[in-house]
Amino acid sequence: MSWTALRITPDRARERVIAALFEAGSQGIQEDGADIVTHFPPGTDTDGIAAAVRAVDPDAAIRMLNAPDVDFSGWRASVSSHVVGNLVISPPWLAHETEPSRTVVIDPAMAFGTGEHPTTRGVMRLMQRTLRGGDVVADLGAGSAALAIAAARLGAARVAAVELDGEAIGNAEENVRANEVAGIVSVIEGDAEVLLPLLAPVDLVLANIISSVLTLLLPVIRGALAPGGRAILSGILAEERDDMLGFIATNDFVVRDEDMEDVWWSVTISIP
């Protein structure tokens, strides 16, 4: 099964290009000098990827590469578990090595990772300092449901994992079943802006989404939070921090905690 491989030479806004690639579904990024090499699953819309890249960097050079069939047996041997504070993100074949109560089992299937992007780790670290036992949680842009499952592991009473991409829903539901948290986590397909008010009130919102979407969601998040509610935002580049702080203040939130890894900033906010 052949994957789509691209070599991209950004003209500017390198971090924004990387963010756009992950948002478009990239399963891995390799930086090769000035170039970025990335892989997408078979059948990916390459025109859509190019449009996403050029939306943030119109003069970026984009080239298709010959991508050999993926050696999944060799790839599987290279996948490892990742410790994030008191949690562990693990593929199914390594899950027996850690306590089930602290393990988030995510099957990478035909991907090159297990959901341990810096933005995912940032939310998990902040969640461990923020989530209270019995919280009602909404995870917006849930993807594989890794964060929703982590919330269940940390003591949430109920978690709504909201995802717009219909192709991701089946994978999220499978991960929820594999982690035996179906009694806590519900996977819901739809637009977060529409669904979040219907889920209100919630104690904690998780939103690992690109910053342009986060700014649109902030008023909706504020309206959905219960008294004392909090939100953890991620998918924000370090260079966007100051602008995002402005949007946070404009929407009458205060910053409670922050996390930085590589070029990615995550933040916990609440209503004063």
C-alpha atoms as a PDB file:
ATOM      1  CA  MET A   1       0.000   0.000   0.000  1.00  0.00           C
ATOM      2  CA  SER A   2       1.636   3.212  -1.176  1.00  0.00           C
ATOM      3  CA  TRP A   3       1.563   6.347   0.912  1.00  0.00           C
ATOM      4  CA  THR A   4       1.714   9.917  -0.338  1.00  0.00           C
ATOM      5  CA  ALA A   5       5.070  11.553   0.349  1.00  0.00           C
ATOM      6  CA  LEU A   6       5.751  15.248  -0.136  1.00  0.00           C
ATOM      7  CA  ARG A   7       8.861  17.392   0.077  1.00  0.00           C
ATOM      8  CA  ILE A   8       8.046  21.003   0.893  1.00  0.00           C
ATOM      9  CA  THR A   9      10.431  23.953   0.871  1.00  0.00           C
ATOM     10  CA  PRO A  10       8.778  26.798   2.796  1.00  0.00           C
ATOM     11  CA  ASP A  11       9.410  30.323   1.600  1.00  0.00           C
ATOM     12  CA  ARG A  12       8.483  31.704   5.028  1.00  0.00           C
ATOM     13  CA  ALA A  13       6.311  30.823   8.051  1.00  0.00           C
ATOM     14  CA  ARG A  14       7.915  27.398   8.465  1.00  0.00           C
ATOM     15  CA  GLU A  15       6.063  26.665  11.710  1.00  0.00           C
ATOM     16  CA  ARG A  16       2.752  27.608  10.120  1.00  0.00           C
ATOM     17  CA  VAL A  17       3.434  25.209   7.248  1.00  0.00           C
ATOM     18  CA  ILE A  18       4.116  22.395   9.726  1.00  0.00           C
ATOM     19  CA  ALA A  19       0.921  23.240  11.595  1.00  0.00           C
ATOM     20  CA  ALA A  20      -1.046  23.204   8.324  1.00  0.00           C
ATOM     21  CA  LEU A  21       0.386  19.792   7.402  1.00  0.00           C
ATOM     22  CA  PHE A  22      -0.639  18.252  10.724  1.00  0.00           C
ATOM     23  CA  GLU A  23      -4.087  19.814  10.410  1.00  0.00           C
ATOM     24  CA  ALA A  24      -4.372  18.280   6.917  1.00  0.00           C
ATOM     25  CA  GLY A  25      -3.634  14.828   8.345  1.00  0.00           C
ATOM     26  CA  SER A  26       0.139  14.415   8.136  1.00  0.00           C
ATOM     27  CA  GLN A  27       1.295  11.237   9.849  1.00  0.00           C
ATOM     28  CA  GLY A  28       4.839  12.430  10.387  1.00  0.00           C
ATOM     29  CA  ILE A  29       7.224  15.306   9.740  1.00  0.00           C
ATOM     30  CA  GLN A  30      10.941  15.035   8.996  1.00  0.00           C
ATOM     31  CA  GLU A  31      12.983  18.214   8.677  1.00  0.00           C
ATOM     32  CA  ASP A  32      15.713  17.796   6.071  1.00  0.00           C
ATOM     33  CA  GLY A  33      17.727  20.994   5.987  1.00  0.00           C
ATOM     34  CA  ALA A  34      15.469  23.705   4.602  1.00  0.00           C
ATOM     35  CA  ASP A  35      12.933  21.100   3.472  1.00  0.00           C
ATOM     36  CA  ILE A  36      10.061  19.377   5.239  1.00  0.00           C
ATOM     37  CA  VAL A  37       9.337  15.760   4.258  1.00  0.00           C
ATOM     38  CA  THR A  38       5.921  14.439   5.236  1.00  0.00           C
ATOM     39  CA  HIS A  39       3.760  11.362   4.662  1.00  0.00           C
ATOM     40  CA  PHE A  40       0.005  10.991   4.254  1.00  0.00           C
ATOM     41  CA  PRO A  41      -2.103   7.797   4.106  1.00  0.00           C
ATOM     42  CA  PRO A  42      -3.085   6.294   0.742  1.00  0.00           C
ATOM     43  CA  GLY A  43      -5.889   8.121  -1.013  1.00  0.00           C
ATOM     44  CA  THR A  44      -5.128  11.504   0.537  1.00  0.00           C
ATOM     45  CA  ASP A  45      -6.256  14.545  -1.480  1.00  0.00           C
ATOM     46  CA  THR A  46      -2.905  16.070  -2.459  1.00  0.00           C
ATOM     47  CA  ASP A  47      -4.582  19.124  -3.991  1.00  0.00           C
ATOM     48  CA  GLY A  48      -6.162  19.804  -0.615  1.00  0.00           C
ATOM     49  CA  ILE A  49      -2.792  19.507   1.117  1.00  0.00           C
ATOM     50  CA  ALA A  50      -1.196  21.907  -1.354  1.00  0.00           C
ATOM     51  CA  ALA A  51      -4.032  24.387  -0.840  1.00  0.00           C
ATOM     52  CA  ALA A  52      -3.612  24.191   2.950  1.00  0.00           C
ATOM     53  CA  VAL A  53       0.130  24.842   2.673  1.00  0.00           C
ATOM     54  CA  ARG A  54      -0.238  27.711   0.215  1.00  0.00           C
ATOM     55  CA  ALA A  55      -2.908  29.318   2.384  1.00  0.00           C
ATOM     56  CA  VAL A  56      -0.166  30.034   4.933  1.00  0.00           C
ATOM     57  CA  ASP A  57       2.830  30.208   2.562  1.00  0.00           C
ATOM     58  CA  PRO A  58       1.822  31.038  -1.035  1.00  0.00           C
ATOM     59  CA  ASP A  59       5.357  30.641  -2.413  1.00  0.00           C
ATOM     60  CA  ALA A  60       6.218  27.296  -0.806  1.00  0.00           C
ATOM     61  CA  ALA A  61       7.651  24.704  -3.218  1.00  0.00           C
ATOM     62  CA  ILE A  62       5.773  21.382  -3.064  1.00  0.00           C
ATOM     63  CA  ARG A  63       7.070  18.206  -4.721  1.00  0.00           C
ATOM     64  CA  MET A  64       5.688  14.679  -4.813  1.00  0.00           C
ATOM     65  CA  LEU A  65       8.105  11.902  -3.855  1.00  0.00           C
ATOM     66  CA  ASN A  66       8.142   8.227  -4.693  1.00  0.00           C
ATOM     67  CA  ALA A  67       6.882   6.590  -1.509  1.00  0.00           C
ATOM     68  CA  PRO A  68       7.565   2.856  -1.250  1.00  0.00           C
ATOM     69  CA  ASP A  69       5.035   0.563   0.372  1.00  0.00           C
ATOM     70  CA  VAL A  70       5.242   0.867   4.134  1.00  0.00           C
ATOM     71  CA  ASP A  71       6.989  -2.017   5.917  1.00  0.00           C
ATOM     72  CA  PHE A  72       4.503  -2.323   8.748  1.00  0.00           C
ATOM     73  CA  SER A  73       6.311  -5.142  10.553  1.00  0.00           C
ATOM     74  CA  GLY A  74       9.488  -3.083  10.749  1.00  0.00           C
ATOM     75  CA  TRP A  75       7.504   0.031  11.564  1.00  0.00           C
ATOM     76  CA  ARG A  76       5.655  -1.724  14.389  1.00  0.00           C
ATOM     77  CA  ALA A  77       8.943  -2.730  16.003  1.00  0.00           C
ATOM     78  CA  SER A  78      10.012   0.919  15.990  1.00  0.00           C
ATOM     79  CA  VAL A  79       6.910   2.215  17.812  1.00  0.00           C
ATOM     80  CA  SER A  80       7.338   2.843  21.527  1.00  0.00           C
ATOM     81  CA  SER A  81       5.246   4.008  24.468  1.00  0.00           C
ATOM     82  CA  HIS A  82       5.485   7.639  25.588  1.00  0.00           C
ATOM     83  CA  VAL A  83       5.343   8.809  29.195  1.00  0.00           C
ATOM     84  CA  VAL A  84       3.475  12.092  29.725  1.00  0.00           C
ATOM     85  CA  GLY A  85       3.519  12.917  33.427  1.00  0.00           C
ATOM     86  CA  ASN A  86       1.530  10.183  35.162  1.00  0.00           C
ATOM     87  CA  LEU A  87       0.043   8.942  31.893  1.00  0.00           C
ATOM     88  CA  VAL A  88       1.461   6.637  29.236  1.00  0.00           C
ATOM     89  CA  ILE A  89       0.447   6.674  25.563  1.00  0.00           C
ATOM     90  CA  SER A  90       0.949   3.147  24.279  1.00  0.00           C
ATOM     91  CA  PRO A  91       0.229   1.017  21.202  1.00  0.00           C
ATOM     92  CA  PRO A  92      -1.840  -2.102  22.004  1.00  0.00           C
ATOM     93  CA  TRP A  93       1.089  -4.522  21.788  1.00  0.00           C
ATOM     94  CA  LEU A  94       2.987  -2.652  24.520  1.00  0.00           C
ATOM     95  CA  ALA A  95       0.044  -1.789  26.783  1.00  0.00           C
ATOM     96  CA  HIS A  96       0.704  -4.774  29.080  1.00  0.00           C
ATOM     97  CA  GLU A  97       3.907  -3.089  30.244  1.00  0.00           C
ATOM     98  CA  THR A  98       2.097  -0.341  32.199  1.00  0.00           C
ATOM     99  CA  GLU A  99      -0.799  -0.016  34.648  1.00  0.00           C
ATOM    100  CA  PRO A 100      -4.128   0.071  32.749  1.00  0.00           C
ATOM    101  CA  SER A 101      -5.387   2.887  34.992  1.00  0.00           C
ATOM    102  CA  ARG A 102      -2.700   5.243  33.686  1.00  0.00           C
ATOM    103  CA  THR A 103      -2.375   3.975  30.109  1.00  0.00           C
ATOM    104  CA  VAL A 104      -3.990   5.515  27.036  1.00  0.00           C
ATOM    105  CA  VAL A 105      -3.951   2.799  24.377  1.00  0.00           C
ATOM    106  CA  ILE A 106      -3.975   4.213  20.848  1.00  0.00           C
ATOM    107  CA  ASP A 107      -3.585   1.921  17.858  1.00  0.00           C
ATOM    108  CA  PRO A 108      -1.445   3.792  15.322  1.00  0.00           C
ATOM    109  CA  ALA A 109      -2.757   1.402  12.646  1.00  0.00           C
ATOM    110  CA  MET A 110      -1.030   2.549   9.451  1.00  0.00           C
ATOM    111  CA  ALA A 111       0.323   5.781  10.889  1.00  0.00           C
ATOM    112  CA  PHE A 112       3.840   6.725  11.914  1.00  0.00           C
ATOM    113  CA  GLY A 113       2.952   7.748  15.469  1.00  0.00           C
ATOM    114  CA  THR A 114       0.695   7.149  18.416  1.00  0.00           C
ATOM    115  CA  GLY A 115      -0.869  10.569  18.936  1.00  0.00           C
ATOM    116  CA  GLU A 116       2.078  11.962  20.907  1.00  0.00           C
ATOM    117  CA  HIS A 117       2.444  15.229  19.012  1.00  0.00           C
ATOM    118  CA  PRO A 118       3.726  18.068  21.267  1.00  0.00           C
ATOM    119  CA  THR A 119       0.257  19.629  21.318  1.00  0.00           C
ATOM    120  CA  THR A 120      -1.254  16.375  22.596  1.00  0.00           C
ATOM    121  CA  ARG A 121       1.390  16.096  25.281  1.00  0.00           C
ATOM    122  CA  GLY A 122       0.880  19.733  26.239  1.00  0.00           C
ATOM    123  CA  VAL A 123      -2.834  19.206  26.831  1.00  0.00           C
ATOM    124  CA  MET A 124      -2.169  16.022  28.800  1.00  0.00           C
ATOM    125  CA  ARG A 125       0.329  17.759  31.071  1.00  0.00           C
ATOM    126  CA  LEU A 126      -2.030  20.668  31.727  1.00  0.00           C
ATOM    127  CA  MET A 127      -4.970  18.312  32.218  1.00  0.00           C
ATOM    128  CA  GLN A 128      -3.121  16.498  34.990  1.00  0.00           C
ATOM    129  CA  ARG A 129      -2.834  19.808  36.847  1.00  0.00           C
ATOM    130  CA  THR A 130      -6.355  20.986  36.020  1.00  0.00           C
ATOM    131  CA  LEU A 131      -8.923  18.185  35.791  1.00  0.00           C
ATOM    132  CA  ARG A 132     -10.910  17.459  38.948  1.00  0.00           C
ATOM    133  CA  GLY A 133     -12.468  14.120  39.737  1.00  0.00           C
ATOM    134  CA  GLY A 134     -16.078  14.088  38.580  1.00  0.00           C
ATOM    135  CA  ASP A 135     -15.613  16.798  35.932  1.00  0.00           C
ATOM    136  CA  VAL A 136     -17.838  16.839  32.858  1.00  0.00           C
ATOM    137  CA  VAL A 137     -15.488  17.295  29.891  1.00  0.00           C
ATOM    138  CA  ALA A 138     -15.886  18.209  26.208  1.00  0.00           C
ATOM    139  CA  ASP A 139     -12.994  17.370  23.862  1.00  0.00           C
ATOM    140  CA  LEU A 140     -13.300  19.420  20.674  1.00  0.00           C
ATOM    141  CA  GLY A 141     -11.597  18.105  17.552  1.00  0.00           C
ATOM    142  CA  ALA A 142     -11.105  14.794  19.324  1.00  0.00           C
ATOM    143  CA  GLY A 143      -9.377  12.928  16.476  1.00  0.00           C
ATOM    144  CA  SER A 144      -8.291   9.545  17.836  1.00  0.00           C
ATOM    145  CA  ALA A 145      -9.962  10.380  21.197  1.00  0.00           C
ATOM    146  CA  ALA A 146      -6.595  10.168  22.972  1.00  0.00           C
ATOM    147  CA  LEU A 147      -7.336  13.259  25.070  1.00  0.00           C
ATOM    148  CA  ALA A 148     -10.882  12.139  25.851  1.00  0.00           C
ATOM    149  CA  ILE A 149      -9.551   8.774  27.024  1.00  0.00           C
ATOM    150  CA  ALA A 150      -6.876  10.533  29.088  1.00  0.00           C
ATOM    151  CA  ALA A 151      -9.608  12.616  30.747  1.00  0.00           C
ATOM    152  CA  ALA A 152     -11.442   9.427  31.668  1.00  0.00           C
ATOM    153  CA  ARG A 153      -8.233   7.968  33.109  1.00  0.00           C
ATOM    154  CA  LEU A 154      -7.801  11.109  35.229  1.00  0.00           C
ATOM    155  CA  GLY A 155     -11.240  10.832  36.804  1.00  0.00           C
ATOM    156  CA  ALA A 156     -13.716  12.653  34.562  1.00  0.00           C
ATOM    157  CA  ALA A 157     -17.303  11.568  35.156  1.00  0.00           C
ATOM    158  CA  ARG A 158     -18.372  12.074  31.557  1.00  0.00           C
ATOM    159  CA  VAL A 159     -16.524  13.049  28.370  1.00  0.00           C
ATOM    160  CA  ALA A 160     -17.964  14.088  25.001  1.00  0.00           C
ATOM    161  CA  ALA A 161     -15.415  13.569  22.213  1.00  0.00           C
ATOM    162  CA  VAL A 162     -16.579  15.836  19.378  1.00  0.00           C
ATOM    163  CA  GLU A 163     -15.090  15.283  15.920  1.00  0.00           C
ATOM    164  CA  LEU A 164     -16.141  16.769  12.572  1.00  0.00           C
ATOM    165  CA  ASP A 165     -14.201  14.330  10.356  1.00  0.00           C
ATOM    166  CA  GLY A 166     -16.415  11.322   9.718  1.00  0.00           C
ATOM    167  CA  GLU A 167     -13.407   9.197   8.790  1.00  0.00           C
ATOM    168  CA  ALA A 168     -11.934   9.697  12.265  1.00  0.00           C
ATOM    169  CA  ILE A 169     -15.097   8.686  14.120  1.00  0.00           C
ATOM    170  CA  GLY A 170     -14.668   4.930  13.668  1.00  0.00           C
ATOM    171  CA  ASN A 171     -11.079   5.053  14.877  1.00  0.00           C
ATOM    172  CA  ALA A 172     -12.062   7.129  17.911  1.00  0.00           C
ATOM    173  CA  GLU A 173     -14.874   4.720  18.811  1.00  0.00           C
ATOM    174  CA  GLU A 174     -12.521   1.754  18.453  1.00  0.00           C
ATOM    175  CA  ASN A 175      -9.968   3.407  20.748  1.00  0.00           C
ATOM    176  CA  VAL A 176     -12.662   4.150  23.343  1.00  0.00           C
ATOM    177  CA  ARG A 177     -13.737   0.495  23.334  1.00  0.00           C
ATOM    178  CA  ALA A 178     -10.145  -0.746  23.502  1.00  0.00           C
ATOM    179  CA  ASN A 179      -9.539   1.400  26.582  1.00  0.00           C
ATOM    180  CA  GLU A 180     -12.787   0.177  28.182  1.00  0.00           C
ATOM    181  CA  VAL A 181     -14.066   3.701  28.834  1.00  0.00           C
ATOM    182  CA  ALA A 182     -17.236   3.554  26.710  1.00  0.00           C
ATOM    183  CA  GLY A 183     -19.270   4.116  29.863  1.00  0.00           C
ATOM    184  CA  ILE A 184     -17.577   7.498  30.291  1.00  0.00           C
ATOM    185  CA  VAL A 185     -16.573   8.680  26.795  1.00  0.00           C
ATOM    186  CA  SER A 186     -19.117   9.301  24.038  1.00  0.00           C
ATOM    187  CA  VAL A 187     -17.871   9.988  20.503  1.00  0.00           C
ATOM    188  CA  ILE A 188     -20.058  12.526  18.705  1.00  0.00           C
ATOM    189  CA  GLU A 189     -19.754  13.506  15.042  1.00  0.00           C
ATOM    190  CA  GLY A 190     -20.396  17.143  14.235  1.00  0.00           C
ATOM    191  CA  ASP A 191     -19.297  20.767  14.386  1.00  0.00           C
ATOM    192  CA  ALA A 192     -17.954  21.821  17.788  1.00  0.00           C
ATOM    193  CA  GLU A 193     -19.394  25.323  17.414  1.00  0.00           C
ATOM    194  CA  VAL A 194     -22.881  23.833  17.042  1.00  0.00           C
ATOM    195  CA  LEU A 195     -22.612  20.932  19.482  1.00  0.00           C
ATOM    196  CA  LEU A 196     -20.814  22.520  22.436  1.00  0.00           C
ATOM    197  CA  PRO A 197     -23.796  24.695  23.502  1.00  0.00           C
ATOM    198  CA  LEU A 198     -25.938  21.535  23.454  1.00  0.00           C
ATOM    199  CA  LEU A 199     -23.483  19.794  25.787  1.00  0.00           C
ATOM    200  CA  ALA A 200     -23.383  22.692  28.262  1.00  0.00           C
ATOM    201  CA  PRO A 201     -22.729  23.117  31.076  1.00  0.00           C
ATOM    202  CA  VAL A 202     -19.300  21.482  31.133  1.00  0.00           C
ATOM    203  CA  ASP A 203     -16.514  21.797  33.686  1.00  0.00           C
ATOM    204  CA  LEU A 204     -13.575  21.432  31.301  1.00  0.00           C
ATOM    205  CA  VAL A 205     -13.172  21.998  27.565  1.00  0.00           C
ATOM    206  CA  LEU A 206     -10.203  20.526  25.690  1.00  0.00           C
ATOM    207  CA  ALA A 207      -9.479  22.122  22.313  1.00  0.00           C
ATOM    208  CA  ASN A 208      -6.357  21.014  20.453  1.00  0.00           C
ATOM    209  CA  ILE A 209      -7.125  22.868  17.220  1.00  0.00           C
ATOM    210  CA  ILE A 210      -5.294  25.441  15.095  1.00  0.00           C
ATOM    211  CA  SER A 211      -5.385  28.950  16.545  1.00  0.00           C
ATOM    212  CA  SER A 212      -7.568  30.452  13.806  1.00  0.00           C
ATOM    213  CA  VAL A 213     -10.349  28.056  14.814  1.00  0.00           C
ATOM    214  CA  LEU A 214      -9.720  28.525  18.533  1.00  0.00           C
ATOM    215  CA  THR A 215     -10.319  32.268  18.265  1.00  0.00           C
ATOM    216  CA  LEU A 216     -13.738  31.590  16.732  1.00  0.00           C
ATOM    217  CA  LEU A 217     -14.595  29.047  19.420  1.00  0.00           C
ATOM    218  CA  LEU A 218     -13.626  31.132  22.454  1.00  0.00           C
ATOM    219  CA  PRO A 219     -17.042  32.837  22.845  1.00  0.00           C
ATOM    220  CA  VAL A 220     -18.776  29.466  22.443  1.00  0.00           C
ATOM    221  CA  ILE A 221     -16.478  27.882  25.026  1.00  0.00           C
ATOM    222  CA  ARG A 222     -17.152  30.688  27.481  1.00  0.00           C
ATOM    223  CA  GLY A 223     -20.887  30.258  27.108  1.00  0.00           C
ATOM    224  CA  ALA A 224     -20.673  26.511  27.681  1.00  0.00           C
ATOM    225  CA  LEU A 225     -18.571  26.504  30.858  1.00  0.00           C
ATOM    226  CA  ALA A 226     -20.150  25.822  34.227  1.00  0.00           C
ATOM    227  CA  PRO A 227     -19.259  28.149  37.129  1.00  0.00           C
ATOM    228  CA  GLY A 228     -15.607  27.517  37.920  1.00  0.00           C
ATOM    229  CA  GLY A 229     -15.129  25.920  34.504  1.00  0.00           C
ATOM    230  CA  ARG A 230     -11.814  25.766  32.706  1.00  0.00           C
ATOM    231  CA  ALA A 231     -10.556  25.272  29.147  1.00  0.00           C
ATOM    232  CA  ILE A 232      -7.262  23.936  27.842  1.00  0.00           C
ATOM    233  CA  LEU A 233      -6.266  25.283  24.422  1.00  0.00           C
ATOM    234  CA  SER A 234      -3.501  23.909  22.218  1.00  0.00           C
ATOM    235  CA  GLY A 235      -2.419  23.832  18.587  1.00  0.00           C
ATOM    236  CA  ILE A 236      -0.979  27.317  19.098  1.00  0.00           C
ATOM    237  CA  LEU A 237       2.465  28.224  17.808  1.00  0.00           C
ATOM    238  CA  ALA A 238       4.814  30.063  20.161  1.00  0.00           C
ATOM    239  CA  GLU A 239       4.854  33.004  17.759  1.00  0.00           C
ATOM    240  CA  GLU A 240       1.048  33.234  18.086  1.00  0.00           C
ATOM    241  CA  ARG A 241       1.071  33.372  21.901  1.00  0.00           C
ATOM    242  CA  ASP A 242       0.776  37.146  22.269  1.00  0.00           C
ATOM    243  CA  ASP A 243      -2.082  37.385  19.787  1.00  0.00           C
ATOM    244  CA  MET A 244      -3.892  34.507  21.470  1.00  0.00           C
ATOM    245  CA  LEU A 245      -3.466  36.135  24.884  1.00  0.00           C
ATOM    246  CA  GLY A 246      -5.253  39.151  23.439  1.00  0.00           C
ATOM    247  CA  PHE A 247      -8.176  37.027  22.255  1.00  0.00           C
ATOM    248  CA  ILE A 248      -8.282  35.288  25.640  1.00  0.00           C
ATOM    249  CA  ALA A 249      -8.516  38.625  27.460  1.00  0.00           C
ATOM    250  CA  THR A 250     -11.082  40.015  25.012  1.00  0.00           C
ATOM    251  CA  ASN A 251     -13.335  37.050  25.782  1.00  0.00           C
ATOM    252  CA  ASP A 252     -13.010  37.691  29.537  1.00  0.00           C
ATOM    253  CA  PHE A 253     -10.861  34.679  30.350  1.00  0.00           C
ATOM    254  CA  VAL A 254      -7.822  34.628  32.612  1.00  0.00           C
ATOM    255  CA  VAL A 255      -4.740  32.441  32.163  1.00  0.00           C
ATOM    256  CA  ARG A 256      -4.266  29.786  34.864  1.00  0.00           C
ATOM    257  CA  ASP A 257      -1.408  27.668  33.511  1.00  0.00           C
ATOM    258  CA  GLU A 258       0.865  27.358  30.477  1.00  0.00           C
ATOM    259  CA  ASP A 259       2.959  24.706  28.756  1.00  0.00           C
ATOM    260  CA  MET A 260       5.563  24.997  26.000  1.00  0.00           C
ATOM    261  CA  GLU A 261       7.204  22.238  23.972  1.00  0.00           C
ATOM    262  CA  ASP A 262       9.253  22.896  20.855  1.00  0.00           C
ATOM    263  CA  VAL A 263       7.330  25.605  18.956  1.00  0.00           C
ATOM    264  CA  TRP A 264       3.951  24.706  20.479  1.00  0.00           C
ATOM    265  CA  TRP A 265       2.204  26.620  23.276  1.00  0.00           C
ATOM    266  CA  SER A 266      -0.703  25.261  25.324  1.00  0.00           C
ATOM    267  CA  VAL A 267      -2.684  27.180  27.932  1.00  0.00           C
ATOM    268  CA  THR A 268      -5.298  26.648  30.644  1.00  0.00           C
ATOM    269  CA  ILE A 269      -7.844  29.449  30.950  1.00  0.00           C
ATOM    270  CA  SER A 270     -10.887  30.067  33.130  1.00  0.00           C
ATOM    271  CA  ILE A 271     -13.619  32.603  33.768  1.00  0.00           C
ATOM    272  CA  PRO A 272     -12.546  35.000  36.568  1.00  0.00           C
END
